[in-house]
Amino acid sequence: MADKAEEKNEPVDSEDQGYGRFAWFLTGAIIGATIAVLYAPKSGKDTRKYISNVTHQGAEAVTDTGKDIVDAGKEMFERGRQLVEDAAELFDRGKKLVRG
């Protein structure tokens, strides 16, 4: 029974790692874009407009990623709840078998 629970947890760990890697990638991309803009040979007005647009896009991406993480958290909660219910059911079955 413990092996089944461990098998079910493995994909969850992979999902967590995937979201973590994506978040770090997104953070790196935003930092890289900001540095590139600061060294770009554009006028101040164009650079400020570009920074504003990139910041807005980054904020949207972070919001979308946050929503995805919340959705994944809800899915993991449901999986955990189902595992607990299954374990309780198995416990009740075992208790009934012992009683006879």
N, C-alpha and C. Protein backbone atom coordinates (compact mmCIF):
# COMPACT_ATOMS: atom_id res chain seq x y z
N MET A 1 0.82 -1.19 0.00
CA MET A 1 0.00 0.00 0.00
C MET A 1 0.86 1.25 0.00
N ALA A 2 1.96 1.24 0.72
CA ALA A 2 2.85 2.40 0.75
C ALA A 2 3.47 2.65 -0.61
N ASP A 3 3.73 1.57 -1.36
CA ASP A 3 4.32 1.73 -2.68
C ASP A 3 3.39 2.48 -3.61
N LYS A 4 2.10 2.20 -3.52
CA LYS A 4 1.13 2.90 -4.38
C LYS A 4 1.08 4.38 -4.04
N ALA A 5 1.13 4.71 -2.78
CA ALA A 5 1.11 6.12 -2.37
C ALA A 5 2.35 6.83 -2.86
N GLU A 6 3.50 6.15 -2.79
CA GLU A 6 4.73 6.77 -3.25
C GLU A 6 4.69 6.98 -4.76
N GLU A 7 4.12 6.00 -5.49
CA GLU A 7 4.03 6.13 -6.94
C GLU A 7 3.15 7.32 -7.32
N LYS A 8 2.08 7.53 -6.59
CA LYS A 8 1.18 8.64 -6.89
C LYS A 8 1.83 9.98 -6.58
N ASN A 9 2.75 10.02 -5.63
CA ASN A 9 3.42 11.28 -5.27
C ASN A 9 4.48 11.67 -6.28
N GLU A 10 5.06 10.72 -7.00
CA GLU A 10 6.14 11.04 -7.93
C GLU A 10 5.72 12.04 -9.00
N PRO A 11 4.57 11.89 -9.67
CA PRO A 11 4.20 12.89 -10.66
C PRO A 11 3.98 14.27 -10.05
N VAL A 12 3.50 14.32 -8.84
CA VAL A 12 3.29 15.61 -8.18
C VAL A 12 4.62 16.31 -8.00
N ASP A 13 5.66 15.55 -7.57
CA ASP A 13 6.98 16.14 -7.41
C ASP A 13 7.50 16.65 -8.75
N SER A 14 7.26 15.92 -9.82
CA SER A 14 7.70 16.35 -11.14
C SER A 14 7.00 17.63 -11.56
N GLU A 15 5.71 17.74 -11.23
CA GLU A 15 4.98 18.95 -11.57
C GLU A 15 5.54 20.14 -10.80
N ASP A 16 5.82 19.93 -9.52
CA ASP A 16 6.40 21.00 -8.70
C ASP A 16 7.71 21.47 -9.29
N GLN A 17 8.56 20.52 -9.69
CA GLN A 17 9.84 20.88 -10.28
C GLN A 17 9.64 21.63 -11.59
N GLY A 18 8.67 21.21 -12.38
CA GLY A 18 8.40 21.87 -13.65
C GLY A 18 7.97 23.31 -13.45
N TYR A 19 7.07 23.55 -12.49
CA TYR A 19 6.63 24.92 -12.23
C TYR A 19 7.77 25.75 -11.66
N GLY A 20 8.57 25.14 -10.81
CA GLY A 20 9.71 25.86 -10.23
C GLY A 20 10.71 26.26 -11.30
N ARG A 21 10.99 25.33 -12.20
CA ARG A 21 11.93 25.63 -13.29
C ARG A 21 11.38 26.72 -14.19
N PHE A 22 10.07 26.65 -14.48
CA PHE A 22 9.46 27.67 -15.33
C PHE A 22 9.52 29.03 -14.66
N ALA A 23 9.25 29.08 -13.36
CA ALA A 23 9.30 30.35 -12.64
C ALA A 23 10.71 30.94 -12.67
N TRP A 24 11.74 30.09 -12.47
CA TRP A 24 13.12 30.58 -12.52
C TRP A 24 13.48 31.03 -13.94
N PHE A 25 13.01 30.30 -14.95
CA PHE A 25 13.27 30.70 -16.33
C PHE A 25 12.64 32.06 -16.61
N LEU A 26 11.40 32.22 -16.19
CA LEU A 26 10.69 33.48 -16.40
C LEU A 26 11.40 34.62 -15.70
N THR A 27 11.83 34.40 -14.47
CA THR A 27 12.56 35.42 -13.73
C THR A 27 13.85 35.80 -14.45
N GLY A 28 14.58 34.81 -14.92
CA GLY A 28 15.82 35.07 -15.65
C GLY A 28 15.58 35.83 -16.94
N ALA A 29 14.50 35.47 -17.63
CA ALA A 29 14.17 36.16 -18.88
C ALA A 29 13.85 37.63 -18.63
N ILE A 30 13.12 37.89 -17.56
CA ILE A 30 12.77 39.28 -17.23
C ILE A 30 14.02 40.07 -16.86
N ILE A 31 14.88 39.48 -16.04
CA ILE A 31 16.12 40.17 -15.67
C ILE A 31 16.99 40.41 -16.90
N GLY A 32 17.11 39.40 -17.75
CA GLY A 32 17.92 39.55 -18.97
C GLY A 32 17.37 40.62 -19.89
N ALA A 33 16.06 40.65 -20.05
CA ALA A 33 15.45 41.67 -20.90
C ALA A 33 15.67 43.07 -20.33
N THR A 34 15.57 43.18 -19.02
CA THR A 34 15.78 44.49 -18.38
C THR A 34 17.21 44.98 -18.60
N ILE A 35 18.17 44.11 -18.42
CA ILE A 35 19.58 44.48 -18.63
C ILE A 35 19.82 44.84 -20.09
N ALA A 36 19.25 44.07 -21.00
CA ALA A 36 19.42 44.35 -22.42
C ALA A 36 18.84 45.71 -22.78
N VAL A 37 17.71 46.05 -22.21
CA VAL A 37 17.08 47.34 -22.50
C VAL A 37 17.93 48.49 -21.98
N LEU A 38 18.49 48.30 -20.80
CA LEU A 38 19.30 49.38 -20.22
C LEU A 38 20.54 49.68 -21.06
N TYR A 39 21.05 48.70 -21.76
CA TYR A 39 22.24 48.90 -22.59
C TYR A 39 21.90 49.10 -24.07
N ALA A 40 20.64 49.17 -24.41
CA ALA A 40 20.22 49.33 -25.80
C ALA A 40 20.47 50.77 -26.26
N PRO A 41 20.88 50.93 -27.50
CA PRO A 41 21.13 52.29 -28.03
C PRO A 41 19.85 52.95 -28.55
N LYS A 42 18.89 53.18 -27.68
CA LYS A 42 17.64 53.85 -28.06
C LYS A 42 17.54 55.15 -27.27
N SER A 43 16.60 56.00 -27.69
CA SER A 43 16.38 57.24 -26.95
C SER A 43 15.73 56.91 -25.61
N GLY A 44 15.80 57.83 -24.68
CA GLY A 44 15.22 57.62 -23.35
C GLY A 44 13.73 57.35 -23.40
N LYS A 45 13.02 58.10 -24.26
CA LYS A 45 11.57 57.92 -24.36
C LYS A 45 11.24 56.53 -24.89
N ASP A 46 11.92 56.09 -25.93
CA ASP A 46 11.69 54.76 -26.50
C ASP A 46 12.04 53.67 -25.49
N THR A 47 13.13 53.88 -24.78
CA THR A 47 13.56 52.89 -23.78
C THR A 47 12.54 52.79 -22.65
N ARG A 48 12.04 53.90 -22.18
CA ARG A 48 11.04 53.88 -21.11
C ARG A 48 9.76 53.21 -21.57
N LYS A 49 9.35 53.48 -22.79
CA LYS A 49 8.15 52.86 -23.34
C LYS A 49 8.35 51.35 -23.46
N TYR A 50 9.52 50.95 -23.92
CA TYR A 50 9.83 49.52 -24.05
C TYR A 50 9.84 48.85 -22.68
N ILE A 51 10.47 49.49 -21.71
CA ILE A 51 10.52 48.94 -20.35
C ILE A 51 9.10 48.79 -19.80
N SER A 52 8.27 49.78 -20.03
CA SER A 52 6.88 49.72 -19.56
C SER A 52 6.14 48.54 -20.19
N ASN A 53 6.32 48.35 -21.49
CA ASN A 53 5.65 47.24 -22.18
C ASN A 53 6.15 45.89 -21.67
N VAL A 54 7.47 45.77 -21.53
CA VAL A 54 8.04 44.50 -21.06
C VAL A 54 7.60 44.22 -19.63
N THR A 55 7.54 45.25 -18.80
CA THR A 55 7.11 45.08 -17.42
C THR A 55 5.66 44.62 -17.38
N HIS A 56 4.83 45.20 -18.22
CA HIS A 56 3.42 44.80 -18.28
C HIS A 56 3.29 43.34 -18.72
N GLN A 57 4.06 42.96 -19.74
CA GLN A 57 4.04 41.57 -20.21
C GLN A 57 4.53 40.62 -19.11
N GLY A 58 5.57 41.04 -18.41
CA GLY A 58 6.09 40.21 -17.31
C GLY A 58 5.08 40.04 -16.20
N ALA A 59 4.39 41.13 -15.88
CA ALA A 59 3.36 41.06 -14.83
C ALA A 59 2.25 40.11 -15.23
N GLU A 60 1.85 40.16 -16.49
CA GLU A 60 0.82 39.24 -16.98
C GLU A 60 1.31 37.79 -16.91
N ALA A 61 2.56 37.57 -17.30
CA ALA A 61 3.11 36.22 -17.26
C ALA A 61 3.18 35.69 -15.83
N VAL A 62 3.58 36.54 -14.90
CA VAL A 62 3.64 36.13 -13.49
C VAL A 62 2.23 35.82 -12.97
N THR A 63 1.26 36.63 -13.34
CA THR A 63 -0.12 36.39 -12.93
C THR A 63 -0.62 35.06 -13.48
N ASP A 64 -0.36 34.81 -14.77
CA ASP A 64 -0.79 33.55 -15.37
C ASP A 64 -0.10 32.36 -14.71
N THR A 65 1.19 32.50 -14.44
CA THR A 65 1.93 31.42 -13.78
C THR A 65 1.39 31.19 -12.38
N GLY A 66 1.08 32.26 -11.68
CA GLY A 66 0.48 32.14 -10.34
C GLY A 66 -0.83 31.39 -10.38
N LYS A 67 -1.66 31.69 -11.37
CA LYS A 67 -2.93 30.99 -11.51
C LYS A 67 -2.69 29.50 -11.78
N ASP A 68 -1.71 29.20 -12.63
CA ASP A 68 -1.39 27.81 -12.93
C ASP A 68 -0.92 27.08 -11.67
N ILE A 69 -0.12 27.76 -10.87
CA ILE A 69 0.39 27.15 -9.63
C ILE A 69 -0.77 26.90 -8.66
N VAL A 70 -1.70 27.84 -8.57
CA VAL A 70 -2.86 27.66 -7.69
C VAL A 70 -3.70 26.48 -8.18
N ASP A 71 -3.91 26.38 -9.48
CA ASP A 71 -4.67 25.26 -10.03
C ASP A 71 -3.97 23.94 -9.74
N ALA A 72 -2.65 23.91 -9.90
CA ALA A 72 -1.90 22.69 -9.61
C ALA A 72 -2.01 22.35 -8.13
N GLY A 73 -1.98 23.36 -7.26
CA GLY A 73 -2.13 23.13 -5.83
C GLY A 73 -3.50 22.53 -5.49
N LYS A 74 -4.53 23.03 -6.15
CA LYS A 74 -5.87 22.48 -5.93
C LYS A 74 -5.93 21.02 -6.37
N GLU A 75 -5.31 20.71 -7.51
CA GLU A 75 -5.28 19.33 -7.99
C GLU A 75 -4.54 18.43 -7.00
N MET A 76 -3.41 18.90 -6.49
CA MET A 76 -2.64 18.11 -5.53
C MET A 76 -3.44 17.91 -4.24
N PHE A 77 -4.17 18.93 -3.81
CA PHE A 77 -5.01 18.81 -2.61
C PHE A 77 -6.07 17.74 -2.83
N GLU A 78 -6.71 17.76 -4.00
CA GLU A 78 -7.74 16.76 -4.30
C GLU A 78 -7.15 15.35 -4.33
N ARG A 79 -5.96 15.21 -4.92
CA ARG A 79 -5.30 13.90 -4.93
C ARG A 79 -5.01 13.43 -3.51
N GLY A 80 -4.52 14.33 -2.68
CA GLY A 80 -4.22 13.99 -1.30
C GLY A 80 -5.47 13.62 -0.54
N ARG A 81 -6.54 14.36 -0.75
CA ARG A 81 -7.81 14.07 -0.09
C ARG A 81 -8.31 12.70 -0.51
N GLN A 82 -8.19 12.38 -1.79
CA GLN A 82 -8.63 11.08 -2.29
C GLN A 82 -7.79 9.96 -1.68
N LEU A 83 -6.49 10.18 -1.55
CA LEU A 83 -5.62 9.18 -0.93
C LEU A 83 -6.02 8.93 0.51
N VAL A 84 -6.34 9.99 1.23
CA VAL A 84 -6.77 9.84 2.62
C VAL A 84 -8.08 9.07 2.70
N GLU A 85 -9.01 9.39 1.83
CA GLU A 85 -10.29 8.67 1.81
C GLU A 85 -10.08 7.20 1.49
N ASP A 86 -9.22 6.91 0.51
CA ASP A 86 -8.93 5.51 0.15
C ASP A 86 -8.28 4.78 1.32
N ALA A 87 -7.35 5.45 2.00
CA ALA A 87 -6.69 4.83 3.14
C ALA A 87 -7.68 4.56 4.27
N ALA A 88 -8.60 5.49 4.51
CA ALA A 88 -9.61 5.31 5.55
C ALA A 88 -10.52 4.13 5.21
N GLU A 89 -10.87 4.03 3.94
CA GLU A 89 -11.71 2.91 3.49
C GLU A 89 -10.99 1.58 3.68
N LEU A 90 -9.73 1.53 3.30
CA LEU A 90 -8.96 0.31 3.49
C LEU A 90 -8.82 -0.03 4.96
N PHE A 91 -8.63 0.96 5.80
CA PHE A 91 -8.54 0.74 7.24
C PHE A 91 -9.84 0.16 7.77
N ASP A 92 -10.96 0.71 7.34
CA ASP A 92 -12.27 0.19 7.78
C ASP A 92 -12.46 -1.25 7.32
N ARG A 93 -12.08 -1.56 6.09
CA ARG A 93 -12.16 -2.94 5.58
C ARG A 93 -11.32 -3.89 6.43
N GLY A 94 -10.10 -3.47 6.72
CA GLY A 94 -9.21 -4.29 7.53
C GLY A 94 -9.78 -4.51 8.93
N LYS A 95 -10.35 -3.47 9.49
CA LYS A 95 -10.94 -3.56 10.83
C LYS A 95 -12.10 -4.56 10.83
N LYS A 96 -12.93 -4.52 9.77
CA LYS A 96 -14.05 -5.44 9.66
C LYS A 96 -13.56 -6.87 9.49
N LEU A 97 -12.48 -7.07 8.72
CA LEU A 97 -11.94 -8.41 8.53
C LEU A 97 -11.40 -8.98 9.84
N VAL A 98 -10.77 -8.15 10.62
CA VAL A 98 -10.21 -8.60 11.90
C VAL A 98 -11.34 -8.99 12.87
N ARG A 99 -12.39 -8.21 12.87
CA ARG A 99 -13.53 -8.50 13.75
C ARG A 99 -14.26 -9.77 13.32
N GLY A 100 -14.25 -10.03 12.02
CA GLY A 100 -14.88 -11.27 11.57
C GLY A 100 -16.15 -11.10 10.94
